[in-house]
Amino acid sequence: MSKSIIERPIYQIINYIYAFFMTNLYFLLLISPFIVVYYLAEFTVQNILLYYVTLIPFGPAFAALLKTMDKLISDKVIRPTADFWQFFVRNFKVSIKYWLIQWTILVILIIDIYYANLNIPSLSIVFLIFIVFFLLLILYTFPILTRFEVKMKNLFIVSIYSLFRYIKVTLLNATTLLAFGVIYYTVPGITVLFFMSLICFFIMYNLQPVFNQLEAQFLNQEE
């Protein structure tokens, strides 16, 4: 018996490409203020406040993209427009609250590195290590907050626990983060942002075993 058109590989491939393209487009739309600032103002400590404000929408946009990719992994098909904006609204409050905390910490660390280089260069590596730690933590906190309903304090605790407990997944996510950095330095400008949907897809794919174990733990605690 011949397969229907929606079961054929070519249709599925086109469906995935369309999903990646459209969700990435919505992500870029939400962070468009940052894109404008990126081209108009150099990233310096003097302009850090401008970058801080324009990147505030990144949190909810990133959360929406992650959750949409999570659904694509589980259901194999999504409605890019409806699903992305639905998840954006649903997770907006918790994602922007968390992102404001995390983004503020990162900006403070960036400023610390700047002044450490001027006065005590040896301290720069310490602040850099903290930045790397928080970036890796983001690759757990955002996916977890889109998948489970947790309080802010518990979100940090569970994410830090997962960061060290699931070391293999952490290394896979670190590789994803490293690839993001390599693309940034290899491809001019903000071209890397056009790969965000694909990056989010791989992050959520890597985290599926973690989600399953965390879900089992949460259920056991409730019982």
Protein backbone atom coordinates (compact mmCIF):
# COMPACT_ATOMS: atom_id res chain seq x y z
CA MET A 1 0.00 0.00 0.00
CA SER A 2 1.46 3.35 -1.03
CA LYS A 3 2.13 5.98 1.61
CA SER A 4 0.05 9.12 1.80
CA ILE A 5 1.80 12.35 0.88
CA ILE A 6 2.18 13.42 4.55
CA GLU A 7 3.98 10.14 5.35
CA ARG A 8 6.57 10.53 2.64
CA PRO A 9 10.10 11.61 3.66
CA ILE A 10 10.15 14.58 1.28
CA TYR A 11 7.02 16.02 2.89
CA GLN A 12 8.45 15.57 6.36
CA ILE A 13 11.71 17.24 5.35
CA ILE A 14 9.86 20.20 3.85
CA ASN A 15 7.70 20.40 6.97
CA TYR A 16 10.77 20.56 9.21
CA ILE A 17 12.45 23.21 7.04
CA TYR A 18 9.26 25.30 7.10
CA ALA A 19 8.98 24.93 10.88
CA PHE A 20 12.62 25.97 11.42
CA PHE A 21 12.30 28.93 9.07
CA MET A 22 9.04 30.35 10.44
CA THR A 23 9.87 29.97 14.14
CA ASN A 24 13.28 31.48 13.54
CA LEU A 25 11.62 34.39 11.76
CA TYR A 26 9.36 35.06 14.76
CA PHE A 27 12.34 34.82 17.10
CA LEU A 28 14.24 37.39 15.04
CA LEU A 29 11.18 39.63 14.99
CA LEU A 30 11.03 39.66 18.79
CA ILE A 31 14.70 40.55 19.17
CA SER A 32 14.73 43.04 16.28
CA PRO A 33 15.55 45.98 18.63
CA PHE A 34 18.81 44.22 19.50
CA ILE A 35 19.58 43.61 15.82
CA VAL A 36 19.16 47.32 15.08
CA VAL A 37 21.38 48.31 18.00
CA TYR A 38 23.98 45.73 16.96
CA TYR A 39 24.47 47.54 13.66
CA LEU A 40 24.24 51.07 15.05
CA ALA A 41 26.22 50.85 18.30
CA GLU A 42 29.45 49.05 19.10
CA PHE A 43 29.31 46.56 21.95
CA THR A 44 31.23 48.45 24.63
CA VAL A 45 30.81 49.10 28.34
CA GLN A 46 29.65 52.60 27.45
CA ASN A 47 26.80 51.11 25.39
CA ILE A 48 26.08 48.18 27.71
CA LEU A 49 22.82 49.68 29.01
CA LEU A 50 21.52 49.95 25.44
CA TYR A 51 22.33 46.30 24.81
CA TYR A 52 20.87 45.33 28.17
CA VAL A 53 17.48 46.88 27.38
CA THR A 54 17.22 45.64 23.79
CA LEU A 55 18.06 42.06 24.77
CA ILE A 56 15.31 41.82 27.41
CA PRO A 57 12.89 40.27 24.84
CA PHE A 58 15.44 37.51 24.22
CA GLY A 59 14.27 35.56 27.28
CA PRO A 60 10.61 35.06 26.33
CA ALA A 61 11.57 34.60 22.66
CA PHE A 62 14.14 31.92 23.53
CA ALA A 63 11.67 30.13 25.81
CA ALA A 64 8.99 30.13 23.10
CA LEU A 65 11.44 28.78 20.52
CA LEU A 66 12.64 26.02 22.86
CA LYS A 67 9.12 24.90 23.71
CA THR A 68 8.08 24.92 20.04
CA MET A 69 11.08 22.75 19.17
CA ASP A 70 10.22 20.45 22.07
CA LYS A 71 6.77 19.94 20.57
CA LEU A 72 8.29 19.33 17.14
CA ILE A 73 10.45 16.58 18.64
CA SER A 74 7.56 14.89 20.43
CA ASP A 75 4.77 15.35 17.85
CA LYS A 76 6.91 15.40 14.66
CA VAL A 77 4.71 18.21 13.35
CA ILE A 78 3.77 21.69 14.59
CA ARG A 79 1.80 24.74 13.59
CA PRO A 80 4.73 27.18 13.61
CA THR A 81 2.75 30.40 13.93
CA ALA A 82 0.05 29.24 16.35
CA ASP A 83 2.37 27.15 18.53
CA PHE A 84 5.19 29.69 18.78
CA TRP A 85 2.95 32.58 19.86
CA GLN A 86 0.91 30.36 22.15
CA PHE A 87 4.06 29.26 23.99
CA PHE A 88 5.38 32.82 23.97
CA VAL A 89 2.29 34.05 25.83
CA ARG A 90 2.09 31.02 28.12
CA ASN A 91 5.71 31.23 29.31
CA PHE A 92 6.16 34.99 29.11
CA LYS A 93 5.83 35.82 32.80
CA VAL A 94 8.15 33.16 34.18
CA SER A 95 10.69 33.41 31.34
CA ILE A 96 11.10 37.19 31.49
CA LYS A 97 11.33 37.09 35.29
CA TYR A 98 14.11 34.52 35.13
CA TRP A 99 15.85 36.18 32.18
CA LEU A 100 15.98 39.57 33.94
CA ILE A 101 17.82 37.92 36.84
CA GLN A 102 20.18 35.94 34.63
CA TRP A 103 20.83 38.69 32.11
CA THR A 104 21.53 41.21 34.88
CA ILE A 105 24.10 38.85 36.40
CA LEU A 106 25.77 38.35 33.02
CA VAL A 107 25.95 42.10 32.35
CA ILE A 108 27.49 42.71 35.77
CA LEU A 109 30.09 40.02 35.06
CA ILE A 110 30.87 41.58 31.66
CA ILE A 111 31.43 44.95 33.35
CA ASP A 112 33.56 43.24 36.02
CA ILE A 113 35.77 41.74 33.31
CA TYR A 114 36.22 45.17 31.72
CA TYR A 115 37.37 46.83 34.94
CA ALA A 116 39.40 43.79 36.01
CA ASN A 117 41.37 44.03 32.75
CA LEU A 118 42.14 47.65 33.59
CA ASN A 119 43.16 47.09 37.20
CA ILE A 120 43.66 43.40 38.10
CA PRO A 121 43.89 41.36 34.87
CA SER A 122 44.30 38.08 36.75
CA LEU A 123 40.71 38.40 38.03
CA SER A 124 39.30 38.39 34.51
CA ILE A 125 39.56 34.62 34.22
CA VAL A 126 37.47 34.22 37.39
CA PHE A 127 34.65 36.36 35.99
CA LEU A 128 34.94 34.54 32.64
CA ILE A 129 34.49 31.18 34.37
CA PHE A 130 31.34 32.51 36.04
CA ILE A 131 30.01 33.67 32.67
CA VAL A 132 30.60 30.23 31.14
CA PHE A 133 28.89 28.61 34.13
CA PHE A 134 25.80 30.81 33.82
CA LEU A 135 25.65 30.28 30.05
CA LEU A 136 25.67 26.52 30.57
CA LEU A 137 23.07 26.94 33.30
CA ILE A 138 20.81 28.80 30.85
CA LEU A 139 20.81 25.71 28.65
CA TYR A 140 19.05 23.91 31.52
CA THR A 141 16.95 26.62 33.15
CA PHE A 142 15.13 27.77 30.03
CA PRO A 143 14.22 24.27 28.80
CA ILE A 144 13.12 23.24 32.31
CA LEU A 145 10.90 26.30 32.84
CA THR A 146 9.16 25.59 29.53
CA ARG A 147 8.55 21.95 30.48
CA PHE A 148 7.71 22.10 34.20
CA GLU A 149 5.97 24.47 36.58
CA VAL A 150 8.64 25.29 39.17
CA LYS A 151 9.29 28.18 41.50
CA MET A 152 12.25 30.44 40.73
CA LYS A 153 14.32 29.12 43.64
CA ASN A 154 13.64 25.51 42.67
CA LEU A 155 14.41 26.30 39.04
CA PHE A 156 17.96 27.31 39.96
CA ILE A 157 18.39 24.32 42.29
CA VAL A 158 17.13 21.77 39.76
CA SER A 159 19.17 23.34 36.95
CA ILE A 160 22.41 23.37 38.95
CA TYR A 161 21.75 19.78 40.02
CA SER A 162 21.12 18.73 36.42
CA LEU A 163 24.21 20.59 35.19
CA PHE A 164 26.45 18.28 37.22
CA ARG A 165 24.24 15.20 37.43
CA TYR A 166 23.79 14.76 33.68
CA ILE A 167 27.36 15.50 32.69
CA LYS A 168 27.05 13.85 29.25
CA VAL A 169 24.12 16.09 28.33
CA THR A 170 25.98 19.07 29.75
CA LEU A 171 28.91 18.32 27.45
CA LEU A 172 26.54 17.96 24.48
CA ASN A 173 24.99 21.32 25.32
CA ALA A 174 28.44 22.82 25.80
CA THR A 175 29.31 21.58 22.30
CA THR A 176 26.19 23.29 20.99
CA LEU A 177 27.22 26.49 22.75
CA LEU A 178 30.75 26.16 21.35
CA ALA A 179 29.35 25.66 17.85
CA PHE A 180 27.29 28.82 18.35
CA GLY A 181 30.51 30.68 19.21
CA VAL A 182 32.44 29.23 16.26
CA ILE A 183 29.69 30.26 13.84
CA TYR A 184 29.65 33.73 15.38
CA TYR A 185 33.36 34.23 14.76
CA THR A 186 33.35 32.48 11.37
CA VAL A 187 30.26 34.03 9.80
CA PRO A 188 30.10 37.84 9.75
CA GLY A 189 27.60 39.79 11.83
CA ILE A 190 24.45 38.27 13.29
CA THR A 191 24.05 35.49 10.73
CA VAL A 192 24.31 32.99 13.59
CA LEU A 193 20.90 34.10 14.85
CA PHE A 194 19.34 32.54 11.76
CA PHE A 195 20.36 29.14 13.15
CA MET A 196 18.62 29.63 16.50
CA SER A 197 15.69 27.30 15.77
CA LEU A 198 18.10 24.53 14.77
CA ILE A 199 20.25 25.13 17.86
CA CYS A 200 17.15 25.02 20.08
CA PHE A 201 16.05 21.81 18.39
CA PHE A 202 19.32 20.06 19.27
CA ILE A 203 19.29 21.44 22.83
CA MET A 204 15.79 20.08 23.46
CA TYR A 205 16.64 16.80 21.71
CA ASN A 206 19.67 16.33 23.98
CA LEU A 207 17.55 17.05 27.05
CA GLN A 208 14.78 14.50 26.41
CA PRO A 209 16.33 11.82 28.71
CA VAL A 210 16.81 14.47 31.40
CA PHE A 211 13.18 15.56 31.12
CA ASN A 212 12.00 11.96 31.46
CA GLN A 213 14.06 11.40 34.61
CA LEU A 214 13.07 14.72 36.16
CA GLU A 215 9.42 14.06 35.42
CA ALA A 216 9.68 10.68 37.14
CA GLN A 217 11.32 12.31 40.17
CA PHE A 218 8.62 14.99 40.37
CA LEU A 219 5.91 12.32 40.21
CA ASN A 220 7.58 10.31 42.97
CA GLN A 221 7.76 13.40 45.19
CA GLU A 222 4.05 14.09 44.66
CA GLU A 223 3.21 10.53 45.67
